[in-house]
Amino acid sequence: MMRLHKKIGGCLLGVCVVQFSLAQEPPKVPTPVSAARRPVCPNMQAVIASALYPPEAIKLGINDGEVHVAFVISTNNEVREITIRSSTNAVFEPLALTMVAHLKCEKYGSADQPVVWPIHFKLED
């Protein structure tokens, strides 16, 4: 599971800049496969680093949540069919969808690859 730990770097006009530190596992394929066959998304850390903790979550006092995002890595390495599989709070869903939409992943094999990415958001003091 990916865990996003954030520290607020400051707020301006209601938008808070958040830094992420990361303890992660790569996105998982929903069917049982070996760890060596998990998808590789080389820009994952850059996507995480560019994300801002949702200002609405801060306003509502929501300090953590989790979203499971399902998507497909197509045979030409496009990330498509992005959907929310589950979520602890809808406030995190737009950010999770945006993060996945910006992933550049490398598929394996000759068929489309379904993936579920659990993203855990946590705002640290």
Protein backbone atom coordinates (compact mmCIF):
# COMPACT_ATOMS: atom_id res chain seq x y z
CA MET A 1 0.00 0.00 0.00
CA MET A 2 1.23 3.46 -0.78
CA ARG A 3 1.31 5.75 2.21
CA LEU A 4 1.52 9.46 1.61
CA HIS A 5 2.71 11.34 4.66
CA LYS A 6 2.40 15.07 4.35
CA LYS A 7 3.70 18.12 6.10
CA ILE A 8 2.20 21.51 5.41
CA GLY A 9 4.76 23.93 4.01
CA GLY A 10 2.47 26.96 4.31
CA CYS A 11 -0.89 28.23 3.13
CA LEU A 12 -1.65 31.11 0.80
CA LEU A 13 -5.17 32.15 -0.18
CA GLY A 14 -6.58 28.93 1.23
CA VAL A 15 -4.27 26.64 -0.76
CA CYS A 16 -1.88 24.68 1.42
CA VAL A 17 1.39 23.42 0.02
CA VAL A 18 2.00 19.92 1.26
CA GLN A 19 5.15 17.86 1.07
CA PHE A 20 4.94 14.11 0.84
CA SER A 21 7.30 11.56 2.23
CA LEU A 22 6.70 8.12 0.88
CA ALA A 23 6.64 4.56 2.09
CA GLN A 24 5.15 2.55 -0.74
CA GLU A 25 4.48 -0.65 -2.49
CA PRO A 26 3.92 -0.42 -6.23
CA PRO A 27 0.39 -0.60 -7.64
CA LYS A 28 -0.94 -4.15 -7.61
CA VAL A 29 -2.50 -6.27 -10.29
CA PRO A 30 -5.82 -7.57 -8.92
CA THR A 31 -5.16 -11.18 -9.94
CA PRO A 32 -2.43 -13.15 -8.15
CA VAL A 33 0.91 -12.68 -9.88
CA SER A 34 4.49 -12.69 -8.71
CA ALA A 35 5.97 -9.48 -7.30
CA ALA A 36 8.33 -9.37 -10.29
CA ARG A 37 5.31 -8.85 -12.57
CA ARG A 38 3.97 -5.72 -10.89
CA PRO A 39 3.76 -2.66 -13.11
CA VAL A 40 6.51 -0.09 -13.08
CA CYS A 41 5.55 3.59 -13.05
CA PRO A 42 8.84 5.53 -13.21
CA ASN A 43 7.21 8.92 -12.58
CA MET A 44 5.25 7.81 -9.50
CA GLN A 45 7.36 9.76 -7.03
CA ALA A 46 7.14 12.90 -9.18
CA VAL A 47 3.34 12.57 -9.32
CA ILE A 48 3.21 12.23 -5.54
CA ALA A 49 5.59 15.14 -5.01
CA SER A 50 3.44 17.45 -7.13
CA ALA A 51 0.19 16.63 -5.33
CA LEU A 52 -1.39 19.00 -2.82
CA TYR A 53 -3.40 17.72 0.13
CA PRO A 54 -7.03 18.61 -0.62
CA PRO A 55 -7.83 22.02 0.94
CA GLU A 56 -11.42 20.86 1.56
CA ALA A 57 -10.12 17.96 3.67
CA ILE A 58 -8.08 20.40 5.75
CA LYS A 59 -11.12 22.67 6.20
CA LEU A 60 -13.23 19.70 7.27
CA GLY A 61 -10.57 18.51 9.71
CA ILE A 62 -10.03 15.25 7.83
CA ASN A 63 -6.47 14.14 8.52
CA ASP A 64 -6.38 10.87 6.63
CA GLY A 65 -8.18 8.69 4.17
CA GLU A 66 -7.73 6.02 1.58
CA VAL A 67 -8.76 5.64 -2.04
CA HIS A 68 -8.40 2.49 -4.14
CA VAL A 69 -8.14 3.45 -7.80
CA ALA A 70 -8.57 0.85 -10.53
CA PHE A 71 -7.09 1.41 -13.98
CA VAL A 72 -5.72 -0.40 -17.00
CA ILE A 73 -2.25 -0.13 -18.50
CA SER A 74 -2.92 -0.70 -22.19
CA THR A 75 -0.70 -2.58 -24.59
CA ASN A 76 0.75 0.77 -25.73
CA ASN A 77 1.49 1.82 -22.10
CA GLU A 78 -1.44 4.24 -21.78
CA VAL A 79 -3.16 4.54 -18.40
CA ARG A 80 -6.90 4.36 -19.10
CA GLU A 81 -10.25 3.24 -17.66
CA ILE A 82 -9.52 5.03 -14.38
CA THR A 83 -12.22 4.46 -11.76
CA ILE A 84 -12.61 4.66 -8.00
CA ARG A 85 -12.90 1.16 -6.56
CA SER A 86 -13.44 2.36 -2.95
CA SER A 87 -12.88 5.43 -0.83
CA THR A 88 -13.06 6.34 2.84
CA ASN A 89 -14.06 9.90 1.95
CA ALA A 90 -15.04 11.44 -1.39
CA VAL A 91 -12.90 14.52 -0.65
CA PHE A 92 -9.80 12.51 -1.68
CA GLU A 93 -11.22 11.07 -4.90
CA PRO A 94 -10.48 13.95 -7.34
CA LEU A 95 -6.83 14.06 -6.24
CA ALA A 96 -6.47 10.28 -6.49
CA LEU A 97 -7.96 10.27 -10.02
CA THR A 98 -5.67 13.10 -11.08
CA MET A 99 -2.62 11.35 -9.68
CA VAL A 100 -3.38 8.15 -11.59
CA ALA A 101 -4.14 10.08 -14.79
CA HIS A 102 -0.62 11.53 -14.65
CA LEU A 103 1.14 8.17 -14.19
CA LYS A 104 3.40 6.89 -16.95
CA CYS A 105 3.53 3.14 -16.52
CA GLU A 106 5.18 0.27 -18.33
CA LYS A 107 3.07 -2.79 -18.89
CA TYR A 108 4.32 -6.30 -19.14
CA GLY A 109 3.08 -9.00 -21.43
CA SER A 110 1.02 -8.67 -24.58
CA ALA A 111 -2.38 -7.89 -23.05
CA ASP A 112 -3.92 -4.94 -21.22
CA GLN A 113 -3.01 -4.99 -17.55
CA PRO A 114 -5.64 -4.20 -14.88
CA VAL A 115 -4.23 -2.54 -11.75
CA VAL A 116 -5.58 -1.39 -8.38
CA TRP A 117 -3.59 1.33 -6.62
CA PRO A 118 -4.39 1.86 -2.93
CA ILE A 119 -3.45 5.42 -1.98
CA HIS A 120 -3.38 6.35 1.71
CA PHE A 121 -3.50 10.07 2.54
CA LYS A 122 -2.35 11.27 5.94
CA LEU A 123 -1.84 14.84 7.02
CA GLU A 124 0.82 15.01 9.69
CA ASP A 125 1.19 17.82 12.19
